[in-house]
């Protein structure tokens, strides 16, 4: 995987999807990480974060988000977008349990 320097969240997701084949969308639910297209569910130890990209909001630096490029042990690759606003619905603790490529 190439090293990227993205300016926007949408640029990151589009590039990872189109150029690196991270075609699945992951979402951290209450007890598992769900792949939204295939409907597969994963435990954090079945996934690995290959890279992550953090962004600050254009008008409010507190509107931060991170895009994680994730690969499952079964070869499924996708992105997970974590917003740090009060309105996000991701299970942050579950995301923190996903090992990084460096681990």
C-alpha atoms as a PDB file:
ATOM      1  CA  UNK A   1       0.000   0.000   0.000  1.00  0.00           C
ATOM      2  CA  UNK A   2       1.316   3.440  -0.963  1.00  0.00           C
ATOM      3  CA  UNK A   3       1.807   6.249   1.533  1.00  0.00           C
ATOM      4  CA  UNK A   4      -0.754   8.984   0.990  1.00  0.00           C
ATOM      5  CA  UNK A   5      -1.188  12.553   2.144  1.00  0.00           C
ATOM      6  CA  UNK A   6      -4.878  13.431   1.770  1.00  0.00           C
ATOM      7  CA  UNK A   7      -6.430  16.886   2.069  1.00  0.00           C
ATOM      8  CA  UNK A   8     -10.001  15.741   2.704  1.00  0.00           C
ATOM      9  CA  UNK A   9     -11.920  12.815   4.146  1.00  0.00           C
ATOM     10  CA  UNK A  10     -13.732  12.202   0.869  1.00  0.00           C
ATOM     11  CA  UNK A  11     -10.441  12.173  -1.055  1.00  0.00           C
ATOM     12  CA  UNK A  12      -9.094   9.539   1.346  1.00  0.00           C
ATOM     13  CA  UNK A  13     -12.140   7.276   1.083  1.00  0.00           C
ATOM     14  CA  UNK A  14     -12.342   7.626  -2.711  1.00  0.00           C
ATOM     15  CA  UNK A  15      -8.642   6.902  -3.243  1.00  0.00           C
ATOM     16  CA  UNK A  16      -8.593   3.937  -0.879  1.00  0.00           C
ATOM     17  CA  UNK A  17     -11.705   2.521  -2.547  1.00  0.00           C
ATOM     18  CA  UNK A  18     -10.701   3.093  -6.162  1.00  0.00           C
ATOM     19  CA  UNK A  19      -6.924   2.655  -6.103  1.00  0.00           C
ATOM     20  CA  UNK A  20      -6.315   0.275  -3.197  1.00  0.00           C
ATOM     21  CA  UNK A  21      -9.517  -1.860  -3.379  1.00  0.00           C
ATOM     22  CA  UNK A  22     -10.795  -1.037   0.116  1.00  0.00           C
ATOM     23  CA  UNK A  23     -14.334  -1.560  -1.169  1.00  0.00           C
ATOM     24  CA  UNK A  24     -16.143  -2.571   2.027  1.00  0.00           C
ATOM     25  CA  UNK A  25     -17.555  -0.110   4.552  1.00  0.00           C
ATOM     26  CA  UNK A  26     -16.998  -1.161   8.154  1.00  0.00           C
ATOM     27  CA  UNK A  27     -18.999   0.064  11.109  1.00  0.00           C
ATOM     28  CA  UNK A  28     -18.294  -0.579  14.792  1.00  0.00           C
ATOM     29  CA  UNK A  29     -21.534  -1.768  16.352  1.00  0.00           C
ATOM     30  CA  UNK A  30     -22.207  -2.744  19.939  1.00  0.00           C
ATOM     31  CA  UNK A  31     -20.492  -6.160  19.895  1.00  0.00           C
ATOM     32  CA  UNK A  32     -18.799  -6.495  16.507  1.00  0.00           C
ATOM     33  CA  UNK A  33     -17.373  -4.682  13.510  1.00  0.00           C
ATOM     34  CA  UNK A  34     -19.852  -5.108  10.673  1.00  0.00           C
ATOM     35  CA  UNK A  35     -19.077  -5.062   6.956  1.00  0.00           C
ATOM     36  CA  UNK A  36     -22.083  -3.196   5.581  1.00  0.00           C
ATOM     37  CA  UNK A  37     -22.097  -4.632   2.036  1.00  0.00           C
ATOM     38  CA  UNK A  38     -21.341  -8.288   2.737  1.00  0.00           C
ATOM     39  CA  UNK A  39     -23.119  -8.245   6.134  1.00  0.00           C
ATOM     40  CA  UNK A  40     -20.194 -10.150   7.678  1.00  0.00           C
ATOM     41  CA  UNK A  41     -19.409  -9.480  11.320  1.00  0.00           C
ATOM     42  CA  UNK A  42     -15.912  -9.475  12.764  1.00  0.00           C
ATOM     43  CA  UNK A  43     -14.305  -9.382  16.170  1.00  0.00           C
ATOM     44  CA  UNK A  44     -11.462  -6.852  16.486  1.00  0.00           C
ATOM     45  CA  UNK A  45      -8.822  -9.631  16.546  1.00  0.00           C
ATOM     46  CA  UNK A  46      -9.988 -10.729  13.070  1.00  0.00           C
ATOM     47  CA  UNK A  47      -9.065  -7.316  11.642  1.00  0.00           C
ATOM     48  CA  UNK A  48      -5.932  -5.235  11.211  1.00  0.00           C
ATOM     49  CA  UNK A  49      -5.622  -1.482  10.695  1.00  0.00           C
ATOM     50  CA  UNK A  50      -3.202  -1.026   7.785  1.00  0.00           C
ATOM     51  CA  UNK A  51      -3.233   2.775   7.894  1.00  0.00           C
ATOM     52  CA  UNK A  52      -5.204   5.677   9.291  1.00  0.00           C
ATOM     53  CA  UNK A  53      -5.734   9.282   8.237  1.00  0.00           C
ATOM     54  CA  UNK A  54      -6.940  12.010  10.592  1.00  0.00           C
ATOM     55  CA  UNK A  55      -8.806  15.156   9.499  1.00  0.00           C
ATOM     56  CA  UNK A  56      -9.938  18.337  11.233  1.00  0.00           C
ATOM     57  CA  UNK A  57     -13.110  20.186  10.254  1.00  0.00           C
ATOM     58  CA  UNK A  58     -12.700  23.155   7.915  1.00  0.00           C
ATOM     59  CA  UNK A  59     -14.675  25.563  10.105  1.00  0.00           C
ATOM     60  CA  UNK A  60     -14.317  23.883  13.499  1.00  0.00           C
ATOM     61  CA  UNK A  61     -11.095  22.051  14.435  1.00  0.00           C
ATOM     62  CA  UNK A  62     -13.097  20.093  17.024  1.00  0.00           C
ATOM     63  CA  UNK A  63     -14.963  18.372  14.167  1.00  0.00           C
ATOM     64  CA  UNK A  64     -12.325  15.689  13.777  1.00  0.00           C
ATOM     65  CA  UNK A  65     -12.591  12.373  11.972  1.00  0.00           C
ATOM     66  CA  UNK A  66     -10.319   9.471  11.137  1.00  0.00           C
ATOM     67  CA  UNK A  67     -10.439   7.069   8.191  1.00  0.00           C
ATOM     68  CA  UNK A  68      -9.070   3.617   8.963  1.00  0.00           C
ATOM     69  CA  UNK A  69      -7.957   1.304   6.130  1.00  0.00           C
ATOM     70  CA  UNK A  70      -8.763  -2.163   7.480  1.00  0.00           C
ATOM     71  CA  UNK A  71      -8.129  -5.701   6.265  1.00  0.00           C
ATOM     72  CA  UNK A  72      -9.856  -8.778   7.677  1.00  0.00           C
ATOM     73  CA  UNK A  73      -8.153 -12.146   8.045  1.00  0.00           C
ATOM     74  CA  UNK A  74     -10.423 -13.461   5.257  1.00  0.00           C
ATOM     75  CA  UNK A  75      -9.000 -10.832   2.854  1.00  0.00           C
ATOM     76  CA  UNK A  76     -11.913  -8.388   2.992  1.00  0.00           C
ATOM     77  CA  UNK A  77     -10.617  -4.817   2.744  1.00  0.00           C
ATOM     78  CA  UNK A  78     -12.535  -1.684   3.600  1.00  0.00           C
ATOM     79  CA  UNK A  79     -12.649   1.623   5.379  1.00  0.00           C
ATOM     80  CA  UNK A  80     -14.101   2.678   8.703  1.00  0.00           C
ATOM     81  CA  UNK A  81     -14.795   6.364   9.303  1.00  0.00           C
ATOM     82  CA  UNK A  82     -14.728   7.490  12.905  1.00  0.00           C
ATOM     83  CA  UNK A  83     -16.123  10.926  13.682  1.00  0.00           C
ATOM     84  CA  UNK A  84     -15.208  12.513  16.992  1.00  0.00           C
ATOM     85  CA  UNK A  85     -18.349  14.634  17.139  1.00  0.00           C
ATOM     86  CA  UNK A  86     -20.960  14.067  19.809  1.00  0.00           C
ATOM     87  CA  UNK A  87     -23.293  12.584  17.206  1.00  0.00           C
ATOM     88  CA  UNK A  88     -21.260   9.560  16.095  1.00  0.00           C
ATOM     89  CA  UNK A  89     -22.623   6.065  16.616  1.00  0.00           C
ATOM     90  CA  UNK A  90     -19.416   4.015  16.421  1.00  0.00           C
ATOM     91  CA  UNK A  91     -18.270   1.825  19.312  1.00  0.00           C
ATOM     92  CA  UNK A  92     -14.957   3.564  20.038  1.00  0.00           C
ATOM     93  CA  UNK A  93     -13.750   0.904  22.471  1.00  0.00           C
ATOM     94  CA  UNK A  94     -14.211  -1.828  19.856  1.00  0.00           C
ATOM     95  CA  UNK A  95     -12.240   0.204  17.305  1.00  0.00           C
ATOM     96  CA  UNK A  96      -9.386   0.644  19.794  1.00  0.00           C
ATOM     97  CA  UNK A  97      -9.145  -3.150  20.089  1.00  0.00           C
ATOM     98  CA  UNK A  98      -8.324  -3.585  16.380  1.00  0.00           C
ATOM     99  CA  UNK A  99      -4.580  -4.252  16.111  1.00  0.00           C
ATOM    100  CA  UNK A 100      -2.413  -1.982  13.974  1.00  0.00           C
ATOM    101  CA  UNK A 101      -0.181  -3.295  11.201  1.00  0.00           C
ATOM    102  CA  UNK A 102       2.825  -2.395  13.372  1.00  0.00           C
ATOM    103  CA  UNK A 103       1.680  -4.660  16.249  1.00  0.00           C
END
